[in-house]
Amino acid sequence: MREALALWGAKSERRRGFIEVGTALMEIREGRLYREQGYETFEAYCQERWGWSRRYSYNLMVAAEAVSDVCAIAHTDAAPLPPPKNEGQARELARLPDAETRREVWQQVREEHGEAVTAADVRRAADAARGIRGATTNEGRARQLARADDATRDARDRRRAMSGAGVRGTAD
């Protein structure tokens, strides 16, 4: 029941609930703790226990991982950055290929917009960091985004393979 308490407590915290929920979901998934509750798969656990789709559950985990990346990198010349305030901002950061780029983009957005940062602001800065500039049509922008997403996914796969295959990010 520890997992239920962790998720319940995190869900009730309005401001940063997505961070705690995403982190708890990662722990549950990686430790296969859902099996202790009688669920065959992580997806079944999320759907039946919490009413969340697979996509939403994974979005929460990706967002929590991005916040961890932004806040965990220590710089001797930089003050700690406040975490993104919502899941949308964090998901936009998660599309970036590495923790250092996520931190740089978040710092840039915070400097430009202060406390009034929106997910759209983060998206524009992330697109610029990924080299997606000024697509003239929606179709052209979609092609650019698809290429950038492929490159991001490839970089993430390489990073995971190097950090110990099967330890983090494994699928059931």
N, C-alpha and C. Protein backbone atom coordinates (compact mmCIF):
# COMPACT_ATOMS: atom_id res chain seq x y z
N MET A 1 0.81 -1.21 0.00
CA MET A 1 0.00 0.00 0.00
C MET A 1 0.84 1.26 0.00
N ARG A 2 2.15 1.09 0.15
CA ARG A 2 3.04 2.25 0.12
C ARG A 2 2.88 3.03 -1.18
N GLU A 3 2.74 2.31 -2.30
CA GLU A 3 2.59 2.97 -3.59
C GLU A 3 1.32 3.80 -3.65
N ALA A 4 0.26 3.31 -3.08
CA ALA A 4 -1.00 4.06 -3.10
C ALA A 4 -0.87 5.34 -2.29
N LEU A 5 -0.24 5.24 -1.13
CA LEU A 5 -0.04 6.44 -0.31
C LEU A 5 0.85 7.45 -1.01
N ALA A 6 1.89 6.97 -1.66
CA ALA A 6 2.79 7.87 -2.39
C ALA A 6 2.04 8.60 -3.49
N LEU A 7 1.27 7.87 -4.26
CA LEU A 7 0.53 8.50 -5.36
C LEU A 7 -0.58 9.41 -4.83
N TRP A 8 -1.27 8.97 -3.80
CA TRP A 8 -2.35 9.79 -3.25
C TRP A 8 -1.81 11.11 -2.72
N GLY A 9 -0.73 11.04 -1.96
CA GLY A 9 -0.12 12.25 -1.42
C GLY A 9 0.38 13.16 -2.53
N ALA A 10 0.96 12.58 -3.54
CA ALA A 10 1.48 13.38 -4.65
C ALA A 10 0.34 14.00 -5.46
N LYS A 11 -0.74 13.26 -5.65
CA LYS A 11 -1.86 13.79 -6.43
C LYS A 11 -2.51 14.97 -5.72
N SER A 12 -2.50 14.97 -4.40
CA SER A 12 -3.17 16.03 -3.67
C SER A 12 -2.34 17.31 -3.60
N GLU A 13 -1.05 17.20 -3.89
CA GLU A 13 -0.21 18.39 -3.90
C GLU A 13 -0.34 19.05 -5.26
N ARG A 14 -1.00 20.20 -5.34
CA ARG A 14 -1.36 20.82 -6.60
C ARG A 14 -0.17 21.31 -7.42
N ARG A 15 0.77 21.97 -6.79
CA ARG A 15 1.81 22.66 -7.55
C ARG A 15 2.79 21.72 -8.24
N ARG A 16 3.34 20.77 -7.51
CA ARG A 16 4.35 19.90 -8.09
C ARG A 16 3.94 18.44 -8.04
N GLY A 17 2.67 18.17 -7.99
CA GLY A 17 2.20 16.80 -7.89
C GLY A 17 2.70 15.91 -9.00
N PHE A 18 2.82 16.44 -10.22
CA PHE A 18 3.25 15.60 -11.33
C PHE A 18 4.65 15.06 -11.12
N ILE A 19 5.50 15.79 -10.41
CA ILE A 19 6.87 15.33 -10.18
C ILE A 19 6.85 14.10 -9.28
N GLU A 20 6.14 14.19 -8.17
CA GLU A 20 6.08 13.08 -7.24
C GLU A 20 5.34 11.88 -7.84
N VAL A 21 4.27 12.14 -8.56
CA VAL A 21 3.52 11.04 -9.18
C VAL A 21 4.39 10.35 -10.21
N GLY A 22 5.04 11.13 -11.07
CA GLY A 22 5.92 10.55 -12.09
C GLY A 22 7.06 9.75 -11.49
N THR A 23 7.66 10.29 -10.42
CA THR A 23 8.75 9.59 -9.75
C THR A 23 8.25 8.30 -9.11
N ALA A 24 7.09 8.36 -8.47
CA ALA A 24 6.51 7.15 -7.86
C ALA A 24 6.19 6.11 -8.94
N LEU A 25 5.67 6.56 -10.08
CA LEU A 25 5.37 5.62 -11.17
C LEU A 25 6.64 4.96 -11.69
N MET A 26 7.73 5.73 -11.80
CA MET A 26 9.00 5.14 -12.25
C MET A 26 9.46 4.06 -11.28
N GLU A 27 9.36 4.35 -9.98
CA GLU A 27 9.77 3.37 -8.97
C GLU A 27 8.89 2.12 -9.05
N ILE A 28 7.61 2.31 -9.21
CA ILE A 28 6.67 1.18 -9.30
C ILE A 28 6.97 0.34 -10.54
N ARG A 29 7.21 1.02 -11.65
CA ARG A 29 7.47 0.32 -12.91
C ARG A 29 8.81 -0.41 -12.86
N GLU A 30 9.86 0.31 -12.47
CA GLU A 30 11.19 -0.29 -12.49
C GLU A 30 11.32 -1.43 -11.49
N GLY A 31 10.65 -1.32 -10.35
CA GLY A 31 10.69 -2.39 -9.35
C GLY A 31 9.63 -3.44 -9.56
N ARG A 32 8.82 -3.25 -10.60
CA ARG A 32 7.70 -4.16 -10.90
C ARG A 32 6.79 -4.35 -9.68
N LEU A 33 6.62 -3.27 -8.93
CA LEU A 33 5.81 -3.32 -7.72
C LEU A 33 4.33 -3.52 -8.02
N TYR A 34 3.92 -3.24 -9.24
CA TYR A 34 2.52 -3.45 -9.63
C TYR A 34 2.15 -4.92 -9.54
N ARG A 35 3.12 -5.80 -9.68
CA ARG A 35 2.85 -7.24 -9.60
C ARG A 35 2.46 -7.65 -8.18
N GLU A 36 3.01 -6.95 -7.19
CA GLU A 36 2.65 -7.22 -5.80
C GLU A 36 1.18 -6.92 -5.54
N GLN A 37 0.61 -6.04 -6.36
CA GLN A 37 -0.80 -5.69 -6.23
C GLN A 37 -1.69 -6.58 -7.11
N GLY A 38 -1.09 -7.53 -7.81
CA GLY A 38 -1.86 -8.48 -8.61
C GLY A 38 -2.08 -8.08 -10.06
N TYR A 39 -1.33 -7.11 -10.55
CA TYR A 39 -1.47 -6.67 -11.94
C TYR A 39 -0.39 -7.33 -12.79
N GLU A 40 -0.78 -7.79 -13.98
CA GLU A 40 0.16 -8.46 -14.87
C GLU A 40 1.13 -7.48 -15.51
N THR A 41 0.65 -6.28 -15.86
CA THR A 41 1.49 -5.31 -16.55
C THR A 41 1.38 -3.95 -15.86
N PHE A 42 2.36 -3.13 -16.11
CA PHE A 42 2.36 -1.78 -15.60
C PHE A 42 1.19 -0.99 -16.19
N GLU A 43 0.93 -1.19 -17.47
CA GLU A 43 -0.17 -0.50 -18.13
C GLU A 43 -1.51 -0.86 -17.52
N ALA A 44 -1.70 -2.14 -17.20
CA ALA A 44 -2.94 -2.59 -16.56
C ALA A 44 -3.07 -1.96 -15.18
N TYR A 45 -1.97 -1.89 -14.44
CA TYR A 45 -1.97 -1.26 -13.13
C TYR A 45 -2.44 0.19 -13.23
N CYS A 46 -1.83 0.94 -14.14
CA CYS A 46 -2.19 2.36 -14.27
C CYS A 46 -3.65 2.54 -14.68
N GLN A 47 -4.10 1.72 -15.61
CA GLN A 47 -5.46 1.85 -16.10
C GLN A 47 -6.48 1.44 -15.05
N GLU A 48 -6.29 0.29 -14.46
CA GLU A 48 -7.28 -0.24 -13.53
C GLU A 48 -7.21 0.43 -12.15
N ARG A 49 -6.02 0.71 -11.68
CA ARG A 49 -5.88 1.28 -10.34
C ARG A 49 -6.15 2.77 -10.30
N TRP A 50 -5.66 3.49 -11.32
CA TRP A 50 -5.73 4.94 -11.30
C TRP A 50 -6.60 5.54 -12.41
N GLY A 51 -6.99 4.72 -13.38
CA GLY A 51 -7.80 5.23 -14.49
C GLY A 51 -7.00 6.04 -15.50
N TRP A 52 -5.70 5.80 -15.55
CA TRP A 52 -4.82 6.55 -16.45
C TRP A 52 -4.44 5.70 -17.64
N SER A 53 -4.40 6.32 -18.80
CA SER A 53 -3.95 5.62 -20.00
C SER A 53 -2.45 5.39 -19.92
N ARG A 54 -1.96 4.50 -20.75
CA ARG A 54 -0.53 4.24 -20.83
C ARG A 54 0.21 5.53 -21.18
N ARG A 55 -0.32 6.25 -22.16
CA ARG A 55 0.32 7.48 -22.61
C ARG A 55 0.44 8.51 -21.48
N TYR A 56 -0.65 8.72 -20.75
CA TYR A 56 -0.61 9.69 -19.66
C TYR A 56 0.38 9.28 -18.57
N SER A 57 0.39 7.99 -18.24
CA SER A 57 1.31 7.49 -17.21
C SER A 57 2.76 7.71 -17.63
N TYR A 58 3.07 7.40 -18.87
CA TYR A 58 4.43 7.60 -19.36
C TYR A 58 4.77 9.09 -19.47
N ASN A 59 3.80 9.91 -19.84
CA ASN A 59 4.03 11.36 -19.87
C ASN A 59 4.43 11.88 -18.49
N LEU A 60 3.77 11.39 -17.46
CA LEU A 60 4.12 11.79 -16.09
C LEU A 60 5.55 11.39 -15.74
N MET A 61 5.94 10.19 -16.14
CA MET A 61 7.29 9.72 -15.84
C MET A 61 8.34 10.53 -16.61
N VAL A 62 8.07 10.81 -17.88
CA VAL A 62 8.99 11.59 -18.70
C VAL A 62 9.13 13.00 -18.13
N ALA A 63 8.02 13.59 -17.73
CA ALA A 63 8.04 14.94 -17.17
C ALA A 63 8.86 14.97 -15.87
N ALA A 64 8.67 13.97 -15.03
CA ALA A 64 9.42 13.92 -13.76
C ALA A 64 10.91 13.75 -14.03
N GLU A 65 11.25 12.94 -15.01
CA GLU A 65 12.66 12.75 -15.35
C GLU A 65 13.28 14.05 -15.87
N ALA A 66 12.54 14.80 -16.67
CA ALA A 66 13.05 16.08 -17.18
C ALA A 66 13.28 17.07 -16.04
N VAL A 67 12.37 17.13 -15.09
CA VAL A 67 12.54 18.03 -13.94
C VAL A 67 13.76 17.61 -13.14
N SER A 68 13.94 16.32 -12.96
CA SER A 68 15.11 15.83 -12.24
C SER A 68 16.39 16.26 -12.95
N ASP A 69 16.40 16.16 -14.28
CA ASP A 69 17.56 16.58 -15.06
C ASP A 69 17.84 18.06 -14.88
N VAL A 70 16.80 18.87 -14.94
CA VAL A 70 16.97 20.33 -14.84
C VAL A 70 17.49 20.72 -13.46
N CYS A 71 16.99 20.09 -12.43
CA CYS A 71 17.33 20.48 -11.06
C CYS A 71 18.57 19.78 -10.52
N ALA A 72 18.97 18.66 -11.08
CA ALA A 72 20.04 17.85 -10.50
C ALA A 72 21.44 18.25 -10.95
N ILE A 73 21.56 18.91 -12.07
CA ILE A 73 22.89 19.23 -12.58
C ILE A 73 23.50 20.33 -11.74
N ALA A 74 24.65 20.05 -11.18
CA ALA A 74 25.32 21.03 -10.32
C ALA A 74 26.28 21.87 -11.15
N HIS A 75 26.19 23.16 -11.02
CA HIS A 75 27.10 24.10 -11.67
C HIS A 75 27.68 24.99 -10.59
N THR A 76 28.97 25.15 -10.61
CA THR A 76 29.58 25.99 -9.60
C THR A 76 29.27 27.46 -9.83
N ASP A 77 29.02 27.83 -11.09
CA ASP A 77 28.78 29.23 -11.41
C ASP A 77 27.30 29.58 -11.58
N ALA A 78 26.43 28.64 -11.34
CA ALA A 78 25.01 28.89 -11.54
C ALA A 78 24.21 28.58 -10.28
N ALA A 79 23.23 29.42 -10.02
CA ALA A 79 22.33 29.16 -8.89
C ALA A 79 21.37 28.05 -9.28
N PRO A 80 20.85 27.33 -8.30
CA PRO A 80 19.87 26.28 -8.60
C PRO A 80 18.65 26.89 -9.29
N LEU A 81 18.12 26.15 -10.25
CA LEU A 81 16.94 26.62 -10.96
C LEU A 81 15.68 26.08 -10.30
N PRO A 82 14.64 26.89 -10.24
CA PRO A 82 13.36 26.36 -9.75
C PRO A 82 12.81 25.37 -10.78
N PRO A 83 12.13 24.35 -10.34
CA PRO A 83 11.61 23.36 -11.30
C PRO A 83 10.45 23.92 -12.11
N PRO A 84 10.18 23.32 -13.25
CA PRO A 84 8.97 23.70 -14.00
C PRO A 84 7.75 23.54 -13.11
N LYS A 85 6.76 24.43 -13.32
CA LYS A 85 5.57 24.42 -12.46
C LYS A 85 4.50 23.43 -12.89
N ASN A 86 4.58 22.99 -14.14
CA ASN A 86 3.54 22.07 -14.57
C ASN A 86 4.08 21.03 -15.54
N GLU A 87 3.28 20.01 -15.73
CA GLU A 87 3.67 18.89 -16.56
C GLU A 87 3.93 19.30 -18.01
N GLY A 88 3.16 20.23 -18.54
CA GLY A 88 3.34 20.67 -19.92
C GLY A 88 4.71 21.27 -20.16
N GLN A 89 5.16 22.11 -19.24
CA GLN A 89 6.49 22.70 -19.35
C GLN A 89 7.56 21.60 -19.31
N ALA A 90 7.41 20.68 -18.38
CA ALA A 90 8.40 19.60 -18.22
C ALA A 90 8.42 18.68 -19.43
N ARG A 91 7.25 18.38 -20.00
CA ARG A 91 7.21 17.52 -21.19
C ARG A 91 7.92 18.16 -22.37
N GLU A 92 7.79 19.47 -22.50
CA GLU A 92 8.50 20.15 -23.59
C GLU A 92 10.01 20.05 -23.39
N LEU A 93 10.46 20.16 -22.15
CA LEU A 93 11.89 20.00 -21.86
C LEU A 93 12.35 18.56 -22.13
N ALA A 94 11.48 17.60 -21.87
CA ALA A 94 11.84 16.20 -22.05
C ALA A 94 12.12 15.86 -23.50
N ARG A 95 11.63 16.66 -24.43
CA ARG A 95 11.88 16.41 -25.85
C ARG A 95 13.32 16.73 -26.25
N LEU A 96 14.04 17.40 -25.37
CA LEU A 96 15.43 17.73 -25.66
C LEU A 96 16.32 16.52 -25.41
N PRO A 97 17.46 16.43 -26.11
CA PRO A 97 18.23 15.18 -26.10
C PRO A 97 19.02 14.86 -24.83
N ASP A 98 19.35 15.86 -24.01
CA ASP A 98 20.16 15.55 -22.83
C ASP A 98 19.89 16.54 -21.70
N ALA A 99 20.37 16.17 -20.53
CA ALA A 99 20.11 16.95 -19.32
C ALA A 99 20.71 18.36 -19.41
N GLU A 100 21.89 18.48 -19.97
CA GLU A 100 22.54 19.78 -20.06
C GLU A 100 21.72 20.74 -20.94
N THR A 101 21.25 20.24 -22.07
CA THR A 101 20.43 21.08 -22.96
C THR A 101 19.12 21.46 -22.28
N ARG A 102 18.54 20.53 -21.55
CA ARG A 102 17.30 20.83 -20.82
C ARG A 102 17.52 21.96 -19.84
N ARG A 103 18.60 21.88 -19.11
CA ARG A 103 18.90 22.92 -18.12
C ARG A 103 19.12 24.26 -18.81
N GLU A 104 19.89 24.28 -19.88
CA GLU A 104 20.18 25.53 -20.60
C GLU A 104 18.91 26.17 -21.14
N VAL A 105 18.05 25.35 -21.73
CA VAL A 105 16.80 25.88 -22.28
C VAL A 105 15.91 26.41 -21.16
N TRP A 106 15.80 25.66 -20.06
CA TRP A 106 14.96 26.10 -18.95
C TRP A 106 15.49 27.41 -18.36
N GLN A 107 16.79 27.51 -18.22
CA GLN A 107 17.39 28.73 -17.70
C GLN A 107 17.10 29.91 -18.63
N GLN A 108 17.25 29.69 -19.93
CA GLN A 108 16.97 30.74 -20.91
C GLN A 108 15.51 31.21 -20.84
N VAL A 109 14.60 30.25 -20.77
CA VAL A 109 13.17 30.59 -20.72
C VAL A 109 12.85 31.35 -19.44
N ARG A 110 13.42 30.90 -18.33
CA ARG A 110 13.18 31.60 -17.05
C ARG A 110 13.72 33.03 -17.10
N GLU A 111 14.88 33.22 -17.72
CA GLU A 111 15.44 34.56 -17.83
C GLU A 111 14.58 35.46 -18.70
N GLU A 112 14.02 34.91 -19.77
CA GLU A 112 13.20 35.69 -20.70
C GLU A 112 11.81 35.98 -20.16
N HIS A 113 11.21 35.01 -19.46
CA HIS A 113 9.80 35.13 -19.07
C HIS A 113 9.56 35.19 -17.57
N GLY A 114 10.58 34.98 -16.77
CA GLY A 114 10.40 35.01 -15.33
C GLY A 114 9.43 33.95 -14.85
N GLU A 115 8.54 34.35 -13.95
CA GLU A 115 7.55 33.42 -13.39
C GLU A 115 6.41 33.10 -14.36
N ALA A 116 6.27 33.91 -15.40
CA ALA A 116 5.14 33.78 -16.33
C ALA A 116 5.44 32.83 -17.49
N VAL A 117 6.23 31.81 -17.28
CA VAL A 117 6.59 30.85 -18.31
C VAL A 117 5.38 29.99 -18.66
N THR A 118 5.16 29.78 -19.95
CA THR A 118 4.11 28.85 -20.40
C THR A 118 4.78 27.68 -21.11
N ALA A 119 4.02 26.61 -21.30
CA ALA A 119 4.53 25.45 -22.03
C ALA A 119 4.88 25.86 -23.46
N ALA A 120 4.11 26.78 -24.04
CA ALA A 120 4.39 27.25 -25.40
C ALA A 120 5.74 27.97 -25.45
N ASP A 121 6.06 28.74 -24.41
CA ASP A 121 7.37 29.40 -24.35
C ASP A 121 8.49 28.36 -24.34
N VAL A 122 8.31 27.32 -23.55
CA VAL A 122 9.30 26.26 -23.45
C VAL A 122 9.41 25.53 -24.79
N ARG A 123 8.28 25.27 -25.44
CA ARG A 123 8.27 24.59 -26.73
C ARG A 123 9.07 25.39 -27.76
N ARG A 124 8.84 26.70 -27.83
CA ARG A 124 9.57 27.53 -28.80
C ARG A 124 11.07 27.49 -28.53
N ALA A 125 11.46 27.60 -27.26
CA ALA A 125 12.88 27.57 -26.93
C ALA A 125 13.48 26.19 -27.20
N ALA A 126 12.74 25.14 -26.91
CA ALA A 126 13.22 23.78 -27.17
C ALA A 126 13.35 23.54 -28.67
N ASP A 127 12.39 24.01 -29.45
CA ASP A 127 12.47 23.88 -30.91
C ASP A 127 13.70 24.60 -31.44
N ALA A 128 13.96 25.79 -30.93
CA ALA A 128 15.13 26.55 -31.37
C ALA A 128 16.41 25.80 -31.00
N ALA A 129 16.46 25.23 -29.82
CA ALA A 129 17.64 24.48 -29.38
C ALA A 129 17.86 23.23 -30.23
N ARG A 130 16.78 22.66 -30.72
CA ARG A 130 16.87 21.46 -31.55
C ARG A 130 17.06 21.80 -33.02
N GLY A 131 17.13 23.09 -33.35
CA GLY A 131 17.36 23.50 -34.73
C GLY A 131 16.12 23.57 -35.58
N ILE A 132 14.97 23.66 -34.95
CA ILE A 132 13.72 23.77 -35.70
C ILE A 132 13.35 25.23 -35.73
N ARG A 133 13.59 25.85 -36.88
CA ARG A 133 13.33 27.28 -36.99
C ARG A 133 12.49 27.57 -38.22
N GLY A 134 11.47 28.33 -38.03
CA GLY A 134 10.73 28.94 -39.12
C GLY A 134 10.21 28.04 -40.21
N ALA A 135 9.69 26.89 -39.88
CA ALA A 135 9.06 26.08 -40.92
C ALA A 135 7.91 26.89 -41.50
N THR A 136 7.82 26.94 -42.83
CA THR A 136 6.85 27.84 -43.45
C THR A 136 5.45 27.26 -43.47
N THR A 137 5.30 25.97 -43.38
CA THR A 137 3.97 25.37 -43.36
C THR A 137 3.89 24.41 -42.18
N ASN A 138 2.67 24.09 -41.81
CA ASN A 138 2.49 23.10 -40.75
C ASN A 138 3.09 21.76 -41.15
N GLU A 139 2.95 21.41 -42.44
CA GLU A 139 3.51 20.15 -42.91
C GLU A 139 5.04 20.16 -42.81
N GLY A 140 5.66 21.27 -43.19
CA GLY A 140 7.11 21.39 -43.08
C GLY A 140 7.56 21.32 -41.63
N ARG A 141 6.82 21.99 -40.77
CA ARG A 141 7.16 21.94 -39.35
C ARG A 141 7.00 20.54 -38.81
N ALA A 142 5.97 19.83 -39.23
CA ALA A 142 5.76 18.45 -38.77
C ALA A 142 6.91 17.56 -39.22
N ARG A 143 7.40 17.74 -40.45
CA ARG A 143 8.55 16.95 -40.91
C ARG A 143 9.78 17.27 -40.09
N GLN A 144 10.01 18.55 -39.81
CA GLN A 144 11.16 18.93 -38.99
C GLN A 144 11.06 18.34 -37.59
N LEU A 145 9.87 18.42 -37.01
CA LEU A 145 9.68 17.86 -35.67
C LEU A 145 9.90 16.35 -35.66
N ALA A 146 9.41 15.67 -36.69
CA ALA A 146 9.58 14.22 -36.76
C ALA A 146 11.06 13.86 -36.83
N ARG A 147 11.83 14.58 -37.65
CA ARG A 147 13.27 14.32 -37.75
C ARG A 147 13.96 14.60 -36.42
N ALA A 148 13.60 15.69 -35.78
CA ALA A 148 14.20 16.04 -34.49
C ALA A 148 13.83 15.02 -33.43
N ASP A 149 12.56 14.57 -33.42
CA ASP A 149 12.14 13.56 -32.45
C ASP A 149 12.90 12.25 -32.66
N ASP A 150 13.13 11.87 -33.93
CA ASP A 150 13.91 10.66 -34.21
C ASP A 150 15.32 10.80 -33.66
N ALA A 151 15.93 11.95 -33.87
CA ALA A 151 17.29 12.18 -33.36
C ALA A 151 17.31 12.16 -31.84
N THR A 152 16.31 12.76 -31.22
CA THR A 152 16.22 12.77 -29.76
C THR A 152 16.05 11.35 -29.23
N ARG A 153 15.18 10.59 -29.86
CA ARG A 153 14.93 9.20 -29.44
C ARG A 153 16.20 8.37 -29.59
N ASP A 154 16.93 8.55 -30.70
CA ASP A 154 18.18 7.82 -30.91
C ASP A 154 19.19 8.15 -29.83
N ALA A 155 19.33 9.44 -29.51
CA ALA A 155 20.28 9.86 -28.48
C ALA A 155 19.88 9.28 -27.12
N ARG A 156 18.59 9.29 -26.81
CA ARG A 156 18.12 8.75 -25.53
C ARG A 156 18.37 7.24 -25.47
N ASP A 157 18.14 6.53 -26.58
CA ASP A 157 18.39 5.09 -26.61
C ASP A 157 19.87 4.78 -26.40
N ARG A 158 20.74 5.56 -27.03
CA ARG A 158 22.18 5.36 -26.85
C ARG A 158 22.57 5.61 -25.39
N ARG A 159 22.02 6.68 -24.80
CA ARG A 159 22.34 7.01 -23.41
C ARG A 159 21.89 5.88 -22.48
N ARG A 160 20.71 5.36 -22.71
CA ARG A 160 20.20 4.27 -21.87
C ARG A 160 21.02 3.01 -22.04
N ALA A 161 21.43 2.72 -23.27
CA ALA A 161 22.23 1.53 -23.51
C ALA A 161 23.58 1.64 -22.81
N MET A 162 24.14 2.83 -22.79
CA MET A 162 25.43 3.04 -22.15
C MET A 162 25.33 3.02 -20.63
N SER A 163 24.18 3.37 -20.08
CA SER A 163 24.04 3.44 -18.63
C SER A 163 23.61 2.12 -18.00
N GLY A 164 23.62 1.07 -18.77
CA GLY A 164 23.27 -0.23 -18.19
C GLY A 164 22.01 -0.76 -18.81
N ALA A 165 22.15 -1.53 -19.82
CA ALA A 165 21.00 -2.07 -20.54
C ALA A 165 20.09 -2.83 -19.59
N GLY A 166 18.80 -2.54 -19.72
CA GLY A 166 17.81 -3.25 -18.94
C GLY A 166 17.57 -2.70 -17.55
N VAL A 167 18.32 -1.69 -17.13
CA VAL A 167 18.15 -1.17 -15.78
C VAL A 167 17.08 -0.11 -15.75
N ARG A 168 17.14 0.84 -16.68
CA ARG A 168 16.20 1.96 -16.67
C ARG A 168 15.53 2.04 -18.03
N GLY A 169 14.23 2.21 -18.02
CA GLY A 169 13.50 2.42 -19.25
C GLY A 169 13.18 1.13 -20.00
N THR A 170 13.20 0.00 -19.32
CA THR A 170 12.88 -1.24 -19.98
C THR A 170 11.37 -1.36 -20.13
N ALA A 171 10.96 -2.04 -21.15
CA ALA A 171 9.53 -2.25 -21.38
C ALA A 171 9.14 -3.63 -20.92
N ASP A 172 7.89 -3.75 -20.54
CA ASP A 172 7.39 -5.05 -20.11
C ASP A 172 7.06 -5.88 -21.32
